[in-house]
Amino acid sequence: MAEFIGVHKLLPDMKAEDVEAGYQSYKESAMKMGLKPMRAHYSMEKAVAYCETEASSAEEVRKAHEGAAIPLEDVIEVKTIE
């Protein structure tokens, strides 16, 4: 499986609790599809969020977001350096 970053712009009226609840919904949708949601990062100050997912394709990541009704700006395949 490859690693992908989902890029999100947060709405002006969103709270941290909304972002966290949205990620939980996304995780459920992704796991139902056999994907592996890893973690999410967000900044309320910059109004952005990024989620990391292991999947076979960017299209799978897009479909998992659609299944959770989570708006998505972009999906980027990435490599991790540890």
PDB file of N, CA and C in Angstrom:
ATOM      1  N   MET A   1       0.831  -1.191   0.000  1.00  0.00           N
ATOM      2  CA  MET A   1       0.000   0.000   0.000  1.00  0.00           C
ATOM      3  C   MET A   1       0.869   1.244   0.000  1.00  0.00           C
ATOM      4  N   ALA A   2       0.363   2.280  -0.605  1.00  0.00           N
ATOM      5  CA  ALA A   2       1.058   3.563  -0.643  1.00  0.00           C
ATOM      6  C   ALA A   2       0.511   4.472   0.460  1.00  0.00           C
ATOM      7  N   GLU A   3       1.218   5.564   0.715  1.00  0.00           N
ATOM      8  CA  GLU A   3       0.779   6.539   1.713  1.00  0.00           C
ATOM      9  C   GLU A   3       0.273   7.794   1.009  1.00  0.00           C
ATOM     10  N   PHE A   4      -0.819   8.341   1.537  1.00  0.00           N
ATOM     11  CA  PHE A   4      -1.430   9.529   0.957  1.00  0.00           C
ATOM     12  C   PHE A   4      -1.748  10.542   2.041  1.00  0.00           C
ATOM     13  N   ILE A   5      -1.661  11.816   1.658  1.00  0.00           N
ATOM     14  CA  ILE A   5      -2.077  12.916   2.517  1.00  0.00           C
ATOM     15  C   ILE A   5      -3.330  13.522   1.900  1.00  0.00           C
ATOM     16  N   GLY A   6      -4.392  13.624   2.679  1.00  0.00           N
ATOM     17  CA  GLY A   6      -5.586  14.349   2.266  1.00  0.00           C
ATOM     18  C   GLY A   6      -5.469  15.776   2.765  1.00  0.00           C
ATOM     19  N   VAL A   7      -5.722  16.734   1.890  1.00  0.00           N
ATOM     20  CA  VAL A   7      -5.585  18.150   2.221  1.00  0.00           C
ATOM     21  C   VAL A   7      -6.989  18.759   2.336  1.00  0.00           C
ATOM     22  N   HIS A   8      -7.222  19.453   3.444  1.00  0.00           N
ATOM     23  CA  HIS A   8      -8.535  20.036   3.718  1.00  0.00           C
ATOM     24  C   HIS A   8      -8.415  21.501   4.119  1.00  0.00           C
ATOM     25  N   LYS A   9      -9.342  22.317   3.663  1.00  0.00           N
ATOM     26  CA  LYS A   9      -9.471  23.690   4.159  1.00  0.00           C
ATOM     27  C   LYS A   9     -10.625  23.693   5.151  1.00  0.00           C
ATOM     28  N   LEU A  10     -10.382  24.236   6.326  1.00  0.00           N
ATOM     29  CA  LEU A  10     -11.416  24.278   7.353  1.00  0.00           C
ATOM     30  C   LEU A  10     -12.344  25.464   7.121  1.00  0.00           C
ATOM     31  N   LEU A  11     -13.606  25.263   7.442  1.00  0.00           N
ATOM     32  CA  LEU A  11     -14.575  26.345   7.319  1.00  0.00           C
ATOM     33  C   LEU A  11     -14.383  27.346   8.455  1.00  0.00           C
ATOM     34  N   PRO A  12     -14.689  28.617   8.222  1.00  0.00           N
ATOM     35  CA  PRO A  12     -14.449  29.649   9.241  1.00  0.00           C
ATOM     36  C   PRO A  12     -15.138  29.394  10.585  1.00  0.00           C
ATOM     37  N   ASP A  13     -16.300  28.767  10.567  1.00  0.00           N
ATOM     38  CA  ASP A  13     -17.041  28.556  11.816  1.00  0.00           C
ATOM     39  C   ASP A  13     -16.731  27.219  12.494  1.00  0.00           C
ATOM     40  N   MET A  14     -15.769  26.468  11.969  1.00  0.00           N
ATOM     41  CA  MET A  14     -15.449  25.161  12.559  1.00  0.00           C
ATOM     42  C   MET A  14     -14.702  25.310  13.875  1.00  0.00           C
ATOM     43  N   LYS A  15     -14.938  24.357  14.745  1.00  0.00           N
ATOM     44  CA  LYS A  15     -14.239  24.259  16.031  1.00  0.00           C
ATOM     45  C   LYS A  15     -13.376  22.995  15.989  1.00  0.00           C
ATOM     46  N   ALA A  16     -12.431  22.903  16.911  1.00  0.00           N
ATOM     47  CA  ALA A  16     -11.566  21.727  16.977  1.00  0.00           C
ATOM     48  C   ALA A  16     -12.389  20.447  17.122  1.00  0.00           C
ATOM     49  N   GLU A  17     -13.465  20.508  17.882  1.00  0.00           N
ATOM     50  CA  GLU A  17     -14.325  19.330  18.074  1.00  0.00           C
ATOM     51  C   GLU A  17     -14.928  18.872  16.744  1.00  0.00           C
ATOM     52  N   ASP A  18     -15.243  19.834  15.868  1.00  0.00           N
ATOM     53  CA  ASP A  18     -15.795  19.490  14.550  1.00  0.00           C
ATOM     54  C   ASP A  18     -14.757  18.756  13.710  1.00  0.00           C
ATOM     55  N   VAL A  19     -13.520  19.236  13.768  1.00  0.00           N
ATOM     56  CA  VAL A  19     -12.434  18.605  13.009  1.00  0.00           C
ATOM     57  C   VAL A  19     -12.209  17.188  13.521  1.00  0.00           C
ATOM     58  N   GLU A  20     -12.173  17.023  14.834  1.00  0.00           N
ATOM     59  CA  GLU A  20     -11.942  15.704  15.422  1.00  0.00           C
ATOM     60  C   GLU A  20     -13.082  14.748  15.105  1.00  0.00           C
ATOM     61  N   ALA A  21     -14.323  15.220  15.150  1.00  0.00           N
ATOM     62  CA  ALA A  21     -15.477  14.375  14.816  1.00  0.00           C
ATOM     63  C   ALA A  21     -15.445  14.001  13.337  1.00  0.00           C
ATOM     64  N   GLY A  22     -15.048  14.942  12.497  1.00  0.00           N
ATOM     65  CA  GLY A  22     -14.945  14.653  11.068  1.00  0.00           C
ATOM     66  C   GLY A  22     -13.908  13.592  10.789  1.00  0.00           C
ATOM     67  N   TYR A  23     -12.785  13.659  11.482  1.00  0.00           N
ATOM     68  CA  TYR A  23     -11.758  12.648  11.284  1.00  0.00           C
ATOM     69  C   TYR A  23     -12.247  11.271  11.734  1.00  0.00           C
ATOM     70  N   GLN A  24     -12.991  11.223  12.810  1.00  0.00           N
ATOM     71  CA  GLN A  24     -13.544   9.938  13.259  1.00  0.00           C
ATOM     72  C   GLN A  24     -14.477   9.357  12.206  1.00  0.00           C
ATOM     73  N   SER A  25     -15.300  10.200  11.599  1.00  0.00           N
ATOM     74  CA  SER A  25     -16.198   9.742  10.523  1.00  0.00           C
ATOM     75  C   SER A  25     -15.391   9.238   9.334  1.00  0.00           C
ATOM     76  N   TYR A  26     -14.336   9.978   8.996  1.00  0.00           N
ATOM     77  CA  TYR A  26     -13.482   9.551   7.891  1.00  0.00           C
ATOM     78  C   TYR A  26     -12.834   8.201   8.196  1.00  0.00           C
ATOM     79  N   LYS A  27     -12.319   8.037   9.417  1.00  0.00           N
ATOM     80  CA  LYS A  27     -11.685   6.767   9.790  1.00  0.00           C
ATOM     81  C   LYS A  27     -12.640   5.595   9.591  1.00  0.00           C
ATOM     82  N   GLU A  28     -13.881   5.761  10.032  1.00  0.00           N
ATOM     83  CA  GLU A  28     -14.868   4.691   9.875  1.00  0.00           C
ATOM     84  C   GLU A  28     -15.094   4.367   8.402  1.00  0.00           C
ATOM     85  N   SER A  29     -15.253   5.398   7.587  1.00  0.00           N
ATOM     86  CA  SER A  29     -15.466   5.203   6.155  1.00  0.00           C
ATOM     87  C   SER A  29     -14.268   4.512   5.515  1.00  0.00           C
ATOM     88  N   ALA A  30     -13.073   4.962   5.849  1.00  0.00           N
ATOM     89  CA  ALA A  30     -11.855   4.390   5.274  1.00  0.00           C
ATOM     90  C   ALA A  30     -11.684   2.931   5.683  1.00  0.00           C
ATOM     91  N   MET A  31     -11.901   2.621   6.951  1.00  0.00           N
ATOM     92  CA  MET A  31     -11.727   1.242   7.423  1.00  0.00           C
ATOM     93  C   MET A  31     -12.738   0.309   6.774  1.00  0.00           C
ATOM     94  N   LYS A  32     -13.958   0.783   6.529  1.00  0.00           N
ATOM     95  CA  LYS A  32     -14.958  -0.043   5.839  1.00  0.00           C
ATOM     96  C   LYS A  32     -14.483  -0.429   4.442  1.00  0.00           C
ATOM     97  N   MET A  33     -13.655   0.438   3.843  1.00  0.00           N
ATOM     98  CA  MET A  33     -13.134   0.179   2.499  1.00  0.00           C
ATOM     99  C   MET A  33     -11.833  -0.613   2.528  1.00  0.00           C
ATOM    100  N   GLY A  34     -11.333  -0.952   3.727  1.00  0.00           N
ATOM    101  CA  GLY A  34     -10.090  -1.693   3.846  1.00  0.00           C
ATOM    102  C   GLY A  34      -8.846  -0.817   3.807  1.00  0.00           C
ATOM    103  N   LEU A  35      -9.025   0.489   3.971  1.00  0.00           N
ATOM    104  CA  LEU A  35      -7.892   1.408   4.012  1.00  0.00           C
ATOM    105  C   LEU A  35      -7.392   1.527   5.442  1.00  0.00           C
ATOM    106  N   LYS A  36      -6.206   2.109   5.597  1.00  0.00           N
ATOM    107  CA  LYS A  36      -5.636   2.262   6.932  1.00  0.00           C
ATOM    108  C   LYS A  36      -5.418   3.739   7.239  1.00  0.00           C
ATOM    109  N   PRO A  37      -6.400   4.389   7.885  1.00  0.00           N
ATOM    110  CA  PRO A  37      -6.187   5.773   8.300  1.00  0.00           C
ATOM    111  C   PRO A  37      -5.151   5.802   9.417  1.00  0.00           C
ATOM    112  N   MET A  38      -4.158   6.665   9.280  1.00  0.00           N
ATOM    113  CA  MET A  38      -3.032   6.678  10.209  1.00  0.00           C
ATOM    114  C   MET A  38      -3.187   7.734  11.302  1.00  0.00           C
ATOM    115  N   ARG A  39      -3.380   8.985  10.884  1.00  0.00           N
ATOM    116  CA  ARG A  39      -3.479  10.099  11.835  1.00  0.00           C
ATOM    117  C   ARG A  39      -3.906  11.326  11.060  1.00  0.00           C
ATOM    118  N   ALA A  40      -4.232  12.379  11.795  1.00  0.00           N
ATOM    119  CA  ALA A  40      -4.552  13.669  11.172  1.00  0.00           C
ATOM    120  C   ALA A  40      -3.833  14.778  11.921  1.00  0.00           C
ATOM    121  N   HIS A  41      -3.550  15.833  11.208  1.00  0.00           N
ATOM    122  CA  HIS A  41      -2.927  17.029  11.773  1.00  0.00           C
ATOM    123  C   HIS A  41      -3.798  18.204  11.358  1.00  0.00           C
ATOM    124  N   TYR A  42      -3.965  19.184  12.251  1.00  0.00           N
ATOM    125  CA  TYR A  42      -4.747  20.359  11.858  1.00  0.00           C
ATOM    126  C   TYR A  42      -4.274  21.595  12.599  1.00  0.00           C
ATOM    127  N   SER A  43      -4.572  22.737  11.983  1.00  0.00           N
ATOM    128  CA  SER A  43      -4.259  24.033  12.575  1.00  0.00           C
ATOM    129  C   SER A  43      -5.506  24.896  12.457  1.00  0.00           C
ATOM    130  N   MET A  44      -6.098  25.214  13.591  1.00  0.00           N
ATOM    131  CA  MET A  44      -7.248  26.113  13.569  1.00  0.00           C
ATOM    132  C   MET A  44      -6.801  27.505  13.129  1.00  0.00           C
ATOM    133  N   GLU A  45      -5.595  27.903  13.513  1.00  0.00           N
ATOM    134  CA  GLU A  45      -5.061  29.221  13.159  1.00  0.00           C
ATOM    135  C   GLU A  45      -4.932  29.390  11.643  1.00  0.00           C
ATOM    136  N   LYS A  46      -4.446  28.352  10.969  1.00  0.00           N
ATOM    137  CA  LYS A  46      -4.243  28.406   9.516  1.00  0.00           C
ATOM    138  C   LYS A  46      -5.437  27.849   8.738  1.00  0.00           C
ATOM    139  N   ALA A  47      -6.419  27.277   9.455  1.00  0.00           N
ATOM    140  CA  ALA A  47      -7.650  26.720   8.855  1.00  0.00           C
ATOM    141  C   ALA A  47      -7.350  25.621   7.834  1.00  0.00           C
ATOM    142  N   VAL A  48      -6.441  24.709   8.218  1.00  0.00           N
ATOM    143  CA  VAL A  48      -6.098  23.581   7.363  1.00  0.00           C
ATOM    144  C   VAL A  48      -6.056  22.297   8.189  1.00  0.00           C
ATOM    145  N   ALA A  49      -6.273  21.190   7.490  1.00  0.00           N
ATOM    146  CA  ALA A  49      -6.139  19.872   8.110  1.00  0.00           C
ATOM    147  C   ALA A  49      -5.533  18.930   7.075  1.00  0.00           C
ATOM    148  N   TYR A  50      -4.774  17.965   7.570  1.00  0.00           N
ATOM    149  CA  TYR A  50      -4.145  16.962   6.723  1.00  0.00           C
ATOM    150  C   TYR A  50      -4.368  15.601   7.381  1.00  0.00           C
ATOM    151  N   CYS A  51      -4.781  14.626   6.589  1.00  0.00           N
ATOM    152  CA  CYS A  51      -4.925  13.285   7.140  1.00  0.00           C
ATOM    153  C   CYS A  51      -4.014  12.336   6.368  1.00  0.00           C
ATOM    154  N   GLU A  52      -3.456  11.380   7.073  1.00  0.00           N
ATOM    155  CA  GLU A  52      -2.566  10.391   6.475  1.00  0.00           C
ATOM    156  C   GLU A  52      -3.290   9.060   6.394  1.00  0.00           C
ATOM    157  N   THR A  53      -3.213   8.435   5.218  1.00  0.00           N
ATOM    158  CA  THR A  53      -3.906   7.170   4.996  1.00  0.00           C
ATOM    159  C   THR A  53      -3.051   6.255   4.145  1.00  0.00           C
ATOM    160  N   GLU A  54      -3.023   4.972   4.480  1.00  0.00           N
ATOM    161  CA  GLU A  54      -2.427   3.962   3.603  1.00  0.00           C
ATOM    162  C   GLU A  54      -3.539   3.405   2.748  1.00  0.00           C
ATOM    163  N   ALA A  55      -3.316   3.394   1.425  1.00  0.00           N
ATOM    164  CA  ALA A  55      -4.328   2.915   0.484  1.00  0.00           C
ATOM    165  C   ALA A  55      -3.625   2.472  -0.796  1.00  0.00           C
ATOM    166  N   SER A  56      -4.366   1.836  -1.670  1.00  0.00           N
ATOM    167  CA  SER A  56      -3.804   1.412  -2.956  1.00  0.00           C
ATOM    168  C   SER A  56      -3.779   2.540  -3.973  1.00  0.00           C
ATOM    169  N   SER A  57      -4.682   3.532  -3.807  1.00  0.00           N
ATOM    170  CA  SER A  57      -4.740   4.622  -4.779  1.00  0.00           C
ATOM    171  C   SER A  57      -5.328   5.880  -4.155  1.00  0.00           C
ATOM    172  N   ALA A  58      -5.048   7.001  -4.798  1.00  0.00           N
ATOM    173  CA  ALA A  58      -5.627   8.273  -4.372  1.00  0.00           C
ATOM    174  C   ALA A  58      -7.142   8.236  -4.529  1.00  0.00           C
ATOM    175  N   GLU A  59      -7.623   7.541  -5.546  1.00  0.00           N
ATOM    176  CA  GLU A  59      -9.068   7.454  -5.765  1.00  0.00           C
ATOM    177  C   GLU A  59      -9.774   6.783  -4.583  1.00  0.00           C
ATOM    178  N   GLU A  60      -9.152   5.766  -4.003  1.00  0.00           N
ATOM    179  CA  GLU A  60      -9.733   5.130  -2.813  1.00  0.00           C
ATOM    180  C   GLU A  60      -9.852   6.135  -1.671  1.00  0.00           C
ATOM    181  N   VAL A  61      -8.838   6.957  -1.485  1.00  0.00           N
ATOM    182  CA  VAL A  61      -8.853   7.967  -0.424  1.00  0.00           C
ATOM    183  C   VAL A  61      -9.971   8.969  -0.689  1.00  0.00           C
ATOM    184  N   ARG A  62     -10.119   9.378  -1.947  1.00  0.00           N
ATOM    185  CA  ARG A  62     -11.209  10.301  -2.303  1.00  0.00           C
ATOM    186  C   ARG A  62     -12.578   9.687  -1.994  1.00  0.00           C
ATOM    187  N   LYS A  63     -12.766   8.429  -2.362  1.00  0.00           N
ATOM    188  CA  LYS A  63     -14.045   7.757  -2.125  1.00  0.00           C
ATOM    189  C   LYS A  63     -14.339   7.621  -0.634  1.00  0.00           C
ATOM    190  N   ALA A  64     -13.314   7.372   0.176  1.00  0.00           N
ATOM    191  CA  ALA A  64     -13.520   7.273   1.624  1.00  0.00           C
ATOM    192  C   ALA A  64     -13.954   8.619   2.197  1.00  0.00           C
ATOM    193  N   HIS A  65     -13.388   9.712   1.690  1.00  0.00           N
ATOM    194  CA  HIS A  65     -13.815  11.044   2.130  1.00  0.00           C
ATOM    195  C   HIS A  65     -15.258  11.315   1.704  1.00  0.00           C
ATOM    196  N   GLU A  66     -15.598  10.940   0.474  1.00  0.00           N
ATOM    197  CA  GLU A  66     -16.972  11.106  -0.003  1.00  0.00           C
ATOM    198  C   GLU A  66     -17.938  10.319   0.880  1.00  0.00           C
ATOM    199  N   GLY A  67     -17.548   9.105   1.252  1.00  0.00           N
ATOM    200  CA  GLY A  67     -18.394   8.265   2.094  1.00  0.00           C
ATOM    201  C   GLY A  67     -18.662   8.866   3.458  1.00  0.00           C
ATOM    202  N   ALA A  68     -17.766   9.722   3.919  1.00  0.00           N
ATOM    203  CA  ALA A  68     -17.931  10.389   5.215  1.00  0.00           C
ATOM    204  C   ALA A  68     -18.445  11.821   5.044  1.00  0.00           C
ATOM    205  N   ALA A  69     -18.702  12.235   3.807  1.00  0.00           N
ATOM    206  CA  ALA A  69     -19.152  13.598   3.495  1.00  0.00           C
ATOM    207  C   ALA A  69     -18.172  14.648   4.016  1.00  0.00           C
ATOM    208  N   ILE A  70     -16.863  14.378   3.841  1.00  0.00           N
ATOM    209  CA  ILE A  70     -15.807  15.291   4.265  1.00  0.00           C
ATOM    210  C   ILE A  70     -15.230  15.967   3.012  1.00  0.00           C
ATOM    211  N   PRO A  71     -15.323  17.300   2.911  1.00  0.00           N
ATOM    212  CA  PRO A  71     -14.746  17.997   1.756  1.00  0.00           C
ATOM    213  C   PRO A  71     -13.230  17.794   1.692  1.00  0.00           C
ATOM    214  N   LEU A  72     -12.736  17.697   0.475  1.00  0.00           N
ATOM    215  CA  LEU A  72     -11.332  17.375   0.250  1.00  0.00           C
ATOM    216  C   LEU A  72     -10.784  18.289  -0.839  1.00  0.00           C
ATOM    217  N   GLU A  73      -9.679  18.962  -0.565  1.00  0.00           N
ATOM    218  CA  GLU A  73      -9.044  19.836  -1.552  1.00  0.00           C
ATOM    219  C   GLU A  73      -8.164  19.038  -2.517  1.00  0.00           C
ATOM    220  N   ASP A  74      -7.398  18.098  -1.968  1.00  0.00           N
ATOM    221  CA  ASP A  74      -6.452  17.355  -2.791  1.00  0.00           C
ATOM    222  C   ASP A  74      -6.029  16.084  -2.060  1.00  0.00           C
ATOM    223  N   VAL A  75      -5.522  15.121  -2.828  1.00  0.00           N
ATOM    224  CA  VAL A  75      -4.902  13.913  -2.277  1.00  0.00           C
ATOM    225  C   VAL A  75      -3.523  13.804  -2.913  1.00  0.00           C
ATOM    226  N   ILE A  76      -2.504  13.656  -2.082  1.00  0.00           N
ATOM    227  CA  ILE A  76      -1.125  13.634  -2.555  1.00  0.00           C
ATOM    228  C   ILE A  76      -0.453  12.343  -2.084  1.00  0.00           C
ATOM    229  N   GLU A  77       0.124  11.590  -3.009  1.00  0.00           N
ATOM    230  CA  GLU A  77       0.900  10.424  -2.602  1.00  0.00           C
ATOM    231  C   GLU A  77       2.234  10.907  -2.056  1.00  0.00           C
ATOM    232  N   VAL A  78       2.640  10.367  -0.902  1.00  0.00           N
ATOM    233  CA  VAL A  78       3.864  10.813  -0.249  1.00  0.00           C
ATOM    234  C   VAL A  78       4.711   9.616   0.175  1.00  0.00           C
ATOM    235  N   LYS A  79       5.959   9.887   0.480  1.00  0.00           N
ATOM    236  CA  LYS A  79       6.876   8.925   1.079  1.00  0.00           C
ATOM    237  C   LYS A  79       7.223   9.418   2.467  1.00  0.00           C
ATOM    238  N   THR A  80       7.461   8.527   3.395  1.00  0.00           N
ATOM    239  CA  THR A  80       7.794   8.905   4.767  1.00  0.00           C
ATOM    240  C   THR A  80       9.275   8.649   5.027  1.00  0.00           C
ATOM    241  N   ILE A  81       9.900   9.610   5.683  1.00  0.00           N
ATOM    242  CA  ILE A  81      11.282   9.482   6.131  1.00  0.00           C
ATOM    243  C   ILE A  81      11.257   9.427   7.655  1.00  0.00           C
ATOM    244  N   GLU A  82      11.841   8.397   8.210  1.00  0.00           N
ATOM    245  CA  GLU A  82      11.876   8.279   9.680  1.00  0.00           C
ATOM    246  C   GLU A  82      13.286   8.301  10.185  1.00  0.00           C
TER     247      GLU A  82
END
